[in-house]
Amino acid sequence: MAKDTVTYTCSECGYSQSRWLGRCPECSSWNTFVESTSKAVAKTLTGAVLPAVKVKSVALSEVNALEGSRLKTGSAEFDRVLGGGAMKRSVILIGGEPGIGKSTLLIQTCAHVAKSDSSKAVLSAVEAKKLRIAGETSGKVLYVSGEESASQIKSRADRLELDTSKIQILCTTRLEDITDALDELIPSLVIIDSIQTVASVEAGNIPATISQLKYCAAELIGWAKERDTVMILTAHITKDGNIAGPKTLEHMVDTVLSFERSNDDVRFLRAEKNRFGSIDEIGIFAMGDKGLSEIADPSSLFITRRSGAFPAGVAITAVFEGSRSFLVEIQALTVPAKSSMTRVYSDRIDSARVSRVAAVLEKRAGLKFSDQDIYINVAGGVRLGESAIDSALAAALYSARTDIALSENTVIMGELSLAGEIRPVSRLKQRIKAAQSMGYNTVVAPNKDTGVTIAAESIKDMIRLLFAK
């Protein structure tokens, strides 16, 4: 078995030799030589072989928890979904249907991050080598496009009135070209648009295959993990809305984001996986002529302001998405079934939840739904999944079936059990505060001692109190 070869590498300039020296003959720095062995040889993505520093374990108590600082994207909504900003040395995978605005969001992020870049356009070989060894970045921004030309990206940035003078652009699908640019620039933010277009000769000649995706993603992720870089990969999606390619791709990255739309203008950004934050947060954007803008008050999107009478089949509830609460409007419609089999049409609330609430109403309130087709919608197009909407959904269904409208100043919240009980919900006080800030003076919930106007312990109590007339 071959014996390990010990070498010593200068941490300042990368100069190496077989014995330790107090002073580096290349850069004249003192006490900068670090021991490494031939078994720890690292191969860079460009093919160059460099001695890697021998890694040793340290006490967990000595690790600085603040070491992994975050990079602000310039968008409060984007930062919210990421958990307070993009964590350095992390890789983010963002998917969404074509034309939804992924590239717009990312070029806006690039423009914001590049504002503070005061360094030179290209690093010298010695400077790049120092940064590579130290794991630091140059503060630059690199946008890699495998789908659009540089002129197309520049045209979009000009339309959005963004400053592109400090953004580096690279239009290629070859992994080797990308890694050469990464080693040359050492950027703090890298955009790969998209990962499905990247291919390497080492993994075959056909792009977007499973082997190509795994190999190229692993190489790029490995590069980002060794430096204070944030790397964002965009991804194609299937017709079912899932990210195309192997599920392994989602396991390899740190964060998986889903970009969705409710109509032509509103966009929702959700985290399906986040190692550095919550997956309950939601970012809400409006698409306009100047790109994506933040929507600070979501209730303005999800509540319909009416000048006439409040219609039947509509109920207002307060929901929590991550760290904030806002009001949404649930709309229900029941019509006689067109066939012997009834159906539930609901894409914003799980149809199984709708069927369960309708069954509870039929059993506990004596209201027949077995011969009705049920249509459920949420104003603004946001998807609702928490159990706190159960009682509001029940009130909307009862109102639609009886054609009796609720009071327009009423907000309903509570979880509905199969026994017809209305159970308490989490963070009720914050929900009540959100309702009162919007001018709703009647709150229906099971907890009387939390400041609700109407306390309802069961579905029968709620119906009697809301539909007494």
Protein backbone atom coordinates (compact mmCIF):
# COMPACT_ATOMS: atom_id res chain seq x y z
CA MET A 1 0.00 0.00 0.00
CA ALA A 2 1.38 3.40 -0.94
CA LYS A 3 2.53 5.63 1.84
CA ASP A 4 0.82 8.99 2.39
CA THR A 5 2.76 11.96 1.07
CA VAL A 6 2.73 14.93 3.42
CA THR A 7 2.74 18.40 1.89
CA TYR A 8 2.41 21.87 3.35
CA THR A 9 0.25 24.54 1.70
CA CYS A 10 0.31 28.29 2.30
CA SER A 11 -3.19 29.44 3.28
CA GLU A 12 -2.52 32.88 1.80
CA CYS A 13 -1.32 32.18 -1.73
CA GLY A 14 -1.61 28.39 -2.17
CA TYR A 15 2.11 27.74 -2.52
CA SER A 16 2.96 24.17 -1.45
CA GLN A 17 6.08 22.08 -0.78
CA SER A 18 7.15 18.96 1.09
CA ARG A 19 8.38 20.58 4.34
CA TRP A 20 7.09 23.18 6.74
CA LEU A 21 8.48 26.71 6.58
CA GLY A 22 7.93 29.61 8.90
CA ARG A 23 7.80 32.09 6.03
CA CYS A 24 6.25 31.53 2.60
CA PRO A 25 8.80 32.19 -0.19
CA GLU A 26 5.97 33.09 -2.60
CA CYS A 27 4.01 35.74 -0.66
CA SER A 28 6.36 36.31 2.34
CA SER A 29 3.60 35.55 4.88
CA TRP A 30 4.58 34.10 8.25
CA ASN A 31 3.15 30.91 9.86
CA THR A 32 0.68 30.23 7.06
CA PHE A 33 1.67 26.67 6.08
CA VAL A 34 -0.97 23.99 6.79
CA GLU A 35 -0.31 20.26 6.64
CA SER A 36 -2.12 18.07 4.08
CA THR A 37 -1.71 14.53 2.75
CA SER A 38 -1.97 12.87 -0.65
CA LYS A 39 -5.16 11.06 0.43
CA ALA A 40 -6.77 14.46 1.00
CA VAL A 41 -6.04 15.68 -2.50
CA ALA A 42 -8.99 17.65 -3.86
CA LYS A 43 -9.88 17.93 -7.49
CA THR A 44 -11.47 21.20 -8.51
CA LEU A 45 -14.35 21.32 -10.93
CA THR A 46 -12.07 22.58 -13.67
CA GLY A 47 -9.81 19.56 -13.33
CA ALA A 48 -6.93 21.18 -11.44
CA VAL A 49 -5.60 19.12 -8.55
CA LEU A 50 -4.93 21.00 -5.31
CA PRO A 51 -3.79 19.65 -1.93
CA ALA A 52 -6.73 19.84 0.46
CA VAL A 53 -6.30 20.80 4.10
CA LYS A 54 -6.56 17.88 6.49
CA VAL A 55 -9.95 18.09 8.23
CA LYS A 56 -10.09 17.51 11.98
CA SER A 57 -13.05 17.29 14.33
CA VAL A 58 -13.83 20.13 16.75
CA ALA A 59 -16.00 20.35 19.85
CA LEU A 60 -19.56 21.30 18.92
CA SER A 61 -19.63 23.76 21.84
CA GLU A 62 -16.81 25.73 20.17
CA VAL A 63 -18.70 26.19 16.89
CA ASN A 64 -19.97 29.71 16.24
CA ALA A 65 -23.70 29.39 15.52
CA LEU A 66 -23.68 32.75 13.70
CA GLU A 67 -21.04 31.62 11.23
CA GLY A 68 -23.55 30.99 8.49
CA SER A 69 -24.79 34.52 7.90
CA ARG A 70 -27.58 35.33 5.47
CA LEU A 71 -27.61 37.24 2.22
CA LYS A 72 -30.51 39.68 1.83
CA THR A 73 -32.29 39.35 -1.50
CA GLY A 74 -33.79 42.85 -1.52
CA SER A 75 -37.34 41.49 -1.28
CA ALA A 76 -38.96 41.20 2.14
CA GLU A 77 -41.35 38.53 0.83
CA PHE A 78 -38.51 36.46 -0.68
CA ASP A 79 -36.48 36.80 2.54
CA ARG A 80 -39.53 35.79 4.60
CA VAL A 81 -39.94 32.51 2.72
CA LEU A 82 -36.21 31.76 3.00
CA GLY A 83 -36.31 32.31 6.77
CA GLY A 84 -34.79 35.80 6.93
CA GLY A 85 -32.60 35.77 3.84
CA ALA A 86 -30.57 33.29 1.81
CA MET A 87 -28.11 31.36 3.96
CA LYS A 88 -24.53 31.46 2.68
CA ARG A 89 -23.05 28.14 1.52
CA SER A 90 -26.57 27.00 0.65
CA VAL A 91 -28.25 25.92 -2.59
CA ILE A 92 -31.84 26.87 -3.39
CA LEU A 93 -33.99 25.09 -5.97
CA ILE A 94 -36.96 27.05 -7.30
CA GLY A 95 -39.60 25.59 -9.61
CA GLY A 96 -42.64 26.97 -11.37
CA GLU A 97 -44.56 26.83 -14.61
CA PRO A 98 -43.15 28.61 -17.67
CA GLY A 99 -43.71 32.36 -17.73
CA ILE A 100 -44.69 32.64 -14.07
CA GLY A 101 -41.84 35.04 -13.24
CA LYS A 102 -38.93 32.97 -11.92
CA SER A 103 -36.37 34.75 -14.09
CA THR A 104 -37.91 38.12 -13.23
CA LEU A 105 -37.61 37.45 -9.51
CA LEU A 106 -34.01 36.28 -9.86
CA ILE A 107 -32.78 39.16 -12.05
CA GLN A 108 -34.32 41.58 -9.53
CA THR A 109 -32.47 39.74 -6.76
CA CYS A 110 -29.22 39.94 -8.74
CA ALA A 111 -29.60 43.69 -9.22
CA HIS A 112 -30.11 44.24 -5.49
CA VAL A 113 -27.16 42.07 -4.40
CA ALA A 114 -24.88 43.64 -7.01
CA LYS A 115 -25.53 47.18 -5.72
CA SER A 116 -22.87 46.85 -3.04
CA ASP A 117 -20.30 45.27 -5.37
CA SER A 118 -17.38 47.69 -5.61
CA SER A 119 -14.74 45.14 -6.63
CA LYS A 120 -13.07 44.65 -10.00
CA ALA A 121 -14.85 42.82 -12.80
CA VAL A 122 -12.26 40.03 -12.93
CA LEU A 123 -9.97 38.77 -10.19
CA SER A 124 -6.31 38.07 -10.76
CA ALA A 125 -5.20 34.45 -10.51
CA VAL A 126 -3.53 35.05 -7.13
CA GLU A 127 -6.58 36.86 -5.73
CA ALA A 128 -8.94 34.11 -6.88
CA LYS A 129 -6.65 31.46 -5.41
CA LYS A 130 -6.60 33.21 -2.02
CA LEU A 131 -10.39 33.46 -1.94
CA ARG A 132 -10.75 29.83 -3.00
CA ILE A 133 -8.48 28.59 -0.21
CA ALA A 134 -10.13 30.82 2.42
CA GLY A 135 -13.63 29.85 1.27
CA GLU A 136 -14.58 33.51 0.79
CA THR A 137 -16.28 35.25 -2.14
CA SER A 138 -15.61 38.37 -4.14
CA GLY A 139 -19.05 39.94 -3.68
CA LYS A 140 -19.87 39.53 -7.37
CA VAL A 141 -23.06 38.24 -8.98
CA LEU A 142 -23.08 35.67 -11.80
CA TYR A 143 -26.19 34.89 -13.86
CA VAL A 144 -25.83 31.70 -15.91
CA SER A 145 -28.50 31.19 -18.56
CA GLY A 146 -28.91 28.04 -20.58
CA GLU A 147 -32.29 28.99 -22.06
CA GLU A 148 -32.14 32.69 -22.98
CA SER A 149 -29.56 34.78 -24.76
CA ALA A 150 -27.72 37.64 -23.10
CA SER A 151 -29.68 40.16 -25.16
CA GLN A 152 -33.00 38.71 -23.98
CA ILE A 153 -31.95 38.95 -20.34
CA LYS A 154 -30.63 42.49 -20.86
CA SER A 155 -33.91 43.46 -22.54
CA ARG A 156 -35.88 42.20 -19.52
CA ALA A 157 -33.62 44.03 -17.10
CA ASP A 158 -33.97 47.26 -19.08
CA ARG A 159 -37.75 46.92 -19.07
CA LEU A 160 -37.62 46.52 -15.28
CA GLU A 161 -35.24 49.53 -15.08
CA LEU A 162 -32.55 47.56 -13.24
CA ASP A 163 -28.88 48.45 -12.98
CA THR A 164 -27.02 45.62 -14.71
CA SER A 165 -23.55 47.18 -14.76
CA LYS A 166 -22.29 44.90 -11.96
CA ILE A 167 -23.98 41.65 -13.01
CA GLN A 168 -21.87 39.10 -14.86
CA ILE A 169 -23.78 37.11 -17.50
CA LEU A 170 -22.80 33.73 -18.93
CA CYS A 171 -24.91 32.00 -21.57
CA THR A 172 -23.87 28.36 -21.82
CA THR A 173 -25.08 24.85 -21.11
CA ARG A 174 -21.63 23.31 -20.54
CA LEU A 175 -20.79 22.56 -16.93
CA GLU A 176 -17.09 23.02 -17.62
CA ASP A 177 -17.67 26.62 -18.84
CA ILE A 178 -19.73 27.37 -15.74
CA THR A 179 -17.13 26.04 -13.34
CA ASP A 180 -14.37 27.96 -15.11
CA ALA A 181 -16.36 31.17 -14.60
CA LEU A 182 -17.06 30.29 -10.97
CA ASP A 183 -13.36 29.74 -10.23
CA GLU A 184 -12.49 32.99 -11.98
CA LEU A 185 -15.11 35.24 -10.34
CA ILE A 186 -15.78 33.53 -6.95
CA PRO A 187 -19.25 35.19 -6.84
CA SER A 188 -21.36 35.62 -3.72
CA LEU A 189 -24.59 34.92 -5.66
CA VAL A 190 -24.93 32.48 -8.56
CA ILE A 191 -28.07 31.91 -10.62
CA ILE A 192 -28.28 28.77 -12.78
CA ASP A 193 -31.25 29.09 -15.14
CA SER A 194 -31.99 26.26 -15.43
CA ILE A 195 -30.36 23.13 -13.99
CA GLN A 196 -32.09 20.93 -16.60
CA THR A 197 -30.13 22.62 -19.39
CA VAL A 198 -26.68 22.04 -17.85
CA ALA A 199 -24.71 19.09 -19.23
CA SER A 200 -21.22 17.68 -18.88
CA VAL A 201 -19.20 15.42 -21.14
CA GLU A 202 -18.39 13.35 -18.04
CA ALA A 203 -22.07 12.30 -17.71
CA GLY A 204 -22.94 11.66 -21.35
CA ASN A 205 -23.99 13.72 -24.32
CA ILE A 206 -27.72 14.10 -23.65
CA PRO A 207 -28.79 16.93 -21.28
CA ALA A 208 -31.65 16.66 -18.73
CA THR A 209 -31.14 12.92 -18.19
CA ILE A 210 -31.15 11.61 -14.63
CA SER A 211 -27.39 11.02 -14.67
CA GLN A 212 -26.73 14.51 -16.05
CA LEU A 213 -28.95 16.18 -13.43
CA LYS A 214 -27.35 14.29 -10.56
CA TYR A 215 -23.80 14.80 -11.77
CA CYS A 216 -24.09 18.50 -12.66
CA ALA A 217 -26.07 19.34 -9.53
CA ALA A 218 -23.57 17.53 -7.31
CA GLU A 219 -20.63 19.38 -8.89
CA LEU A 220 -22.29 22.79 -8.53
CA ILE A 221 -23.52 22.12 -4.99
CA GLY A 222 -20.06 20.94 -3.97
CA TRP A 223 -18.57 24.18 -5.28
CA ALA A 224 -21.07 26.34 -3.36
CA LYS A 225 -20.66 24.42 -0.10
CA GLU A 226 -16.94 25.24 0.04
CA ARG A 227 -17.48 29.01 -0.22
CA ASP A 228 -19.68 31.75 1.23
CA THR A 229 -21.81 31.57 -1.90
CA VAL A 230 -25.58 31.44 -2.37
CA MET A 231 -26.51 29.37 -5.41
CA ILE A 232 -30.03 29.41 -6.84
CA LEU A 233 -31.06 26.75 -9.36
CA THR A 234 -34.25 27.11 -11.38
CA ALA A 235 -36.01 23.93 -12.44
CA HIS A 236 -38.60 22.80 -14.93
CA ILE A 237 -41.80 21.22 -13.62
CA THR A 238 -43.99 18.38 -14.84
CA LYS A 239 -47.65 18.69 -15.78
CA ASP A 240 -48.51 17.71 -12.20
CA GLY A 241 -46.60 20.68 -10.83
CA ASN A 242 -43.67 18.66 -9.47
CA ILE A 243 -40.03 19.47 -10.19
CA ALA A 244 -38.84 17.51 -13.20
CA GLY A 245 -36.12 14.94 -12.72
CA PRO A 246 -35.22 12.57 -9.91
CA LYS A 247 -36.42 13.25 -6.35
CA THR A 248 -32.75 13.02 -5.40
CA LEU A 249 -32.31 16.53 -6.80
CA GLU A 250 -34.61 17.94 -4.10
CA HIS A 251 -32.76 15.99 -1.40
CA MET A 252 -29.40 17.37 -2.52
CA VAL A 253 -30.29 21.05 -2.13
CA ASP A 254 -31.00 22.96 1.10
CA THR A 255 -34.21 24.72 0.09
CA VAL A 256 -36.95 23.88 -2.40
CA LEU A 257 -39.29 26.73 -3.40
CA SER A 258 -42.48 26.54 -5.43
CA PHE A 259 -43.67 29.53 -7.46
CA GLU A 260 -47.43 29.52 -8.11
CA ARG A 261 -50.03 31.83 -9.56
CA SER A 262 -53.68 32.47 -8.75
CA ASN A 263 -54.47 34.70 -11.71
CA ASP A 264 -52.63 36.86 -14.20
CA ASP A 265 -51.21 39.23 -11.59
CA VAL A 266 -50.75 37.50 -8.21
CA ARG A 267 -47.89 35.09 -7.48
CA PHE A 268 -47.31 32.91 -4.40
CA LEU A 269 -43.89 31.70 -3.30
CA ARG A 270 -43.85 28.74 -0.89
CA ALA A 271 -41.09 26.65 0.67
CA GLU A 272 -41.58 22.90 0.33
CA LYS A 273 -38.26 22.25 2.08
CA ASN A 274 -36.09 24.61 4.08
CA ARG A 275 -33.14 23.57 6.24
CA PHE A 276 -32.72 27.11 7.55
CA GLY A 277 -36.28 28.25 8.20
CA SER A 278 -39.97 27.39 8.34
CA ILE A 279 -41.92 25.88 5.47
CA ASP A 280 -45.12 27.61 6.64
CA GLU A 281 -44.24 31.06 5.31
CA ILE A 282 -45.72 32.35 2.08
CA GLY A 283 -44.48 35.19 -0.10
CA ILE A 284 -47.07 37.14 -2.08
CA PHE A 285 -46.15 39.21 -5.13
CA ALA A 286 -47.98 41.19 -7.78
CA MET A 287 -46.67 41.04 -11.34
CA GLY A 288 -46.67 44.42 -13.04
CA ASP A 289 -44.89 46.39 -15.75
CA LYS A 290 -41.91 46.93 -13.43
CA GLY A 291 -41.59 43.30 -12.40
CA LEU A 292 -42.61 41.62 -9.17
CA SER A 293 -43.67 43.88 -6.31
CA GLU A 294 -44.40 42.84 -2.74
CA ILE A 295 -47.89 42.77 -1.30
CA ALA A 296 -47.54 43.80 2.34
CA ASP A 297 -51.26 43.45 3.22
CA PRO A 298 -52.54 40.13 1.80
CA SER A 299 -56.07 40.68 3.15
CA SER A 300 -56.64 43.29 0.45
CA LEU A 301 -56.26 40.49 -2.12
CA PHE A 302 -58.40 37.84 -0.47
CA ILE A 303 -61.38 39.91 0.67
CA THR A 304 -63.93 41.21 -1.83
CA ARG A 305 -65.18 44.70 -1.01
CA ARG A 306 -68.85 44.90 -1.97
CA SER A 307 -71.13 47.89 -2.26
CA GLY A 308 -74.35 45.86 -2.27
CA ALA A 309 -75.79 43.11 -0.08
CA PHE A 310 -73.56 40.33 1.21
CA PRO A 311 -74.27 37.22 -0.90
CA ALA A 312 -75.16 33.78 0.40
CA GLY A 313 -72.45 31.14 0.43
CA VAL A 314 -69.64 33.46 1.54
CA ALA A 315 -67.78 33.30 4.88
CA ILE A 316 -64.71 35.16 6.17
CA THR A 317 -62.01 33.48 8.24
CA ALA A 318 -58.55 34.34 9.60
CA VAL A 319 -55.64 32.12 8.60
CA PHE A 320 -52.00 31.94 9.64
CA GLU A 321 -49.25 31.56 7.07
CA GLY A 322 -45.95 31.32 8.89
CA SER A 323 -45.57 34.39 11.09
CA ARG A 324 -48.50 36.51 9.92
CA SER A 325 -52.27 36.35 9.97
CA PHE A 326 -54.65 37.68 7.35
CA LEU A 327 -58.29 37.31 6.35
CA VAL A 328 -59.57 35.24 3.46
CA GLU A 329 -62.97 34.77 1.88
CA ILE A 330 -64.32 31.24 1.37
CA GLN A 331 -67.03 30.94 -1.30
CA ALA A 332 -69.40 27.97 -1.55
CA LEU A 333 -72.05 26.99 -4.09
CA THR A 334 -74.36 23.97 -4.05
CA VAL A 335 -76.48 22.86 -7.00
CA PRO A 336 -78.53 19.70 -7.62
CA ALA A 337 -76.32 16.90 -8.89
CA LYS A 338 -76.41 16.35 -12.64
CA SER A 339 -76.10 12.60 -12.22
CA SER A 340 -76.56 9.94 -9.60
CA MET A 341 -73.01 10.58 -8.35
CA THR A 342 -72.34 13.88 -6.57
CA ARG A 343 -69.03 15.68 -6.94
CA VAL A 344 -66.92 18.18 -5.03
CA TYR A 345 -65.10 20.81 -7.10
CA SER A 346 -62.41 22.44 -4.98
CA ASP A 347 -58.82 23.16 -5.95
CA ARG A 348 -57.90 25.68 -3.22
CA ILE A 349 -59.16 23.60 -0.29
CA ASP A 350 -58.64 19.85 -0.17
CA SER A 351 -61.79 18.20 -1.54
CA ALA A 352 -61.57 15.53 1.17
CA ARG A 353 -61.87 18.27 3.81
CA VAL A 354 -64.90 19.73 2.01
CA SER A 355 -66.57 16.32 1.88
CA ARG A 356 -65.89 15.74 5.58
CA VAL A 357 -67.34 19.11 6.64
CA ALA A 358 -70.41 18.52 4.46
CA ALA A 359 -70.87 15.09 6.06
CA VAL A 360 -70.70 16.63 9.56
CA LEU A 361 -73.34 19.21 8.57
CA GLU A 362 -75.56 16.50 7.16
CA LYS A 363 -75.25 14.33 10.26
CA ARG A 364 -75.23 16.97 13.03
CA ALA A 365 -77.32 19.76 11.49
CA GLY A 366 -79.77 17.75 9.39
CA LEU A 367 -78.86 19.53 6.15
CA LYS A 368 -78.82 17.27 3.08
CA PHE A 369 -75.81 17.41 0.73
CA SER A 370 -75.97 13.89 -0.67
CA ASP A 371 -77.87 15.06 -3.76
CA GLN A 372 -75.82 18.22 -4.34
CA ASP A 373 -72.70 19.07 -6.34
CA ILE A 374 -70.45 21.29 -4.21
CA TYR A 375 -68.22 24.06 -5.58
CA ILE A 376 -65.67 25.72 -3.30
CA ASN A 377 -63.44 28.68 -4.10
CA VAL A 378 -61.10 30.97 -2.16
CA ALA A 379 -61.00 34.62 -3.24
CA GLY A 380 -57.54 35.58 -4.48
CA GLY A 381 -56.63 31.97 -5.25
CA VAL A 382 -54.58 31.15 -2.14
CA ARG A 383 -54.48 27.49 -1.05
CA LEU A 384 -55.77 26.81 2.48
CA GLY A 385 -54.77 23.75 4.46
CA GLU A 386 -55.05 24.48 8.19
CA SER A 387 -57.90 23.09 10.28
CA ALA A 388 -58.87 26.55 11.60
CA ILE A 389 -60.94 27.13 8.44
CA ASP A 390 -63.35 24.24 9.16
CA SER A 391 -66.09 26.23 10.89
CA ALA A 392 -65.96 29.01 8.26
CA LEU A 393 -66.21 26.38 5.52
CA ALA A 394 -69.20 24.85 7.32
CA ALA A 395 -70.87 28.26 7.60
CA ALA A 396 -70.30 28.94 3.88
CA LEU A 397 -71.78 25.54 2.94
CA TYR A 398 -74.81 26.06 5.20
CA SER A 399 -75.33 29.55 3.79
CA ALA A 400 -75.10 28.29 0.20
CA ARG A 401 -77.48 25.39 0.83
CA THR A 402 -80.12 27.49 2.61
CA ASP A 403 -79.53 30.66 0.58
CA ILE A 404 -79.23 32.68 3.79
CA ALA A 405 -76.37 35.20 3.83
CA LEU A 406 -74.08 35.72 6.81
CA SER A 407 -73.47 39.12 8.33
CA GLU A 408 -70.82 40.97 6.34
CA ASN A 409 -68.92 41.98 9.52
CA THR A 410 -68.44 38.42 10.81
CA VAL A 411 -65.22 36.40 10.96
CA ILE A 412 -65.46 32.68 11.81
CA MET A 413 -62.66 30.41 12.98
CA GLY A 414 -62.45 27.01 14.62
CA GLU A 415 -61.65 23.37 13.95
CA LEU A 416 -64.62 21.06 13.37
CA SER A 417 -64.62 17.55 14.81
CA LEU A 418 -66.62 14.62 13.45
CA ALA A 419 -68.84 14.88 16.53
CA GLY A 420 -69.85 18.38 15.49
CA GLU A 421 -67.73 20.13 18.13
CA ILE A 422 -65.87 23.35 17.35
CA ARG A 423 -62.39 23.05 18.78
CA PRO A 424 -59.97 25.89 19.67
CA VAL A 425 -57.32 27.00 17.19
CA SER A 426 -53.76 28.13 17.75
CA ARG A 427 -52.79 31.82 18.04
CA LEU A 428 -56.41 32.92 18.32
CA LYS A 429 -55.56 36.35 19.75
CA GLN A 430 -53.43 37.22 16.73
CA ARG A 431 -56.25 36.14 14.42
CA ILE A 432 -58.75 38.27 16.32
CA LYS A 433 -56.39 41.24 16.11
CA ALA A 434 -56.10 40.81 12.35
CA ALA A 435 -59.90 40.70 12.04
CA GLN A 436 -60.41 43.81 14.16
CA SER A 437 -57.75 45.73 12.23
CA MET A 438 -59.79 45.11 9.07
CA GLY A 439 -62.98 46.45 10.69
CA TYR A 440 -64.72 43.12 11.47
CA ASN A 441 -66.46 43.54 14.83
CA THR A 442 -68.00 40.07 15.19
CA VAL A 443 -65.70 37.10 15.78
CA VAL A 444 -67.09 33.58 16.12
CA ALA A 445 -64.82 31.07 17.87
CA PRO A 446 -65.04 28.51 20.70
CA ASN A 447 -62.87 30.50 23.19
CA LYS A 448 -65.01 33.12 24.94
CA ASP A 449 -62.22 34.24 27.29
CA THR A 450 -59.96 35.36 24.43
CA GLY A 451 -62.14 38.30 23.42
CA VAL A 452 -64.42 36.73 20.81
CA THR A 453 -67.83 38.29 20.33
CA ILE A 454 -69.71 35.02 19.86
CA ALA A 455 -68.65 31.75 21.50
CA ALA A 456 -69.84 28.60 19.73
CA GLU A 457 -68.91 25.20 21.14
CA SER A 458 -70.63 23.10 18.49
CA ILE A 459 -71.85 23.29 14.92
CA LYS A 460 -75.44 23.51 16.16
CA ASP A 461 -74.57 26.50 18.38
CA MET A 462 -72.86 28.27 15.50
CA ILE A 463 -75.79 27.75 13.11
CA ARG A 464 -78.29 28.89 15.73
CA LEU A 465 -76.30 32.05 16.51
CA LEU A 466 -75.43 32.99 12.91
CA PHE A 467 -78.62 31.95 11.12
CA ALA A 468 -81.22 32.70 13.79
CA LYS A 469 -83.26 34.75 11.38
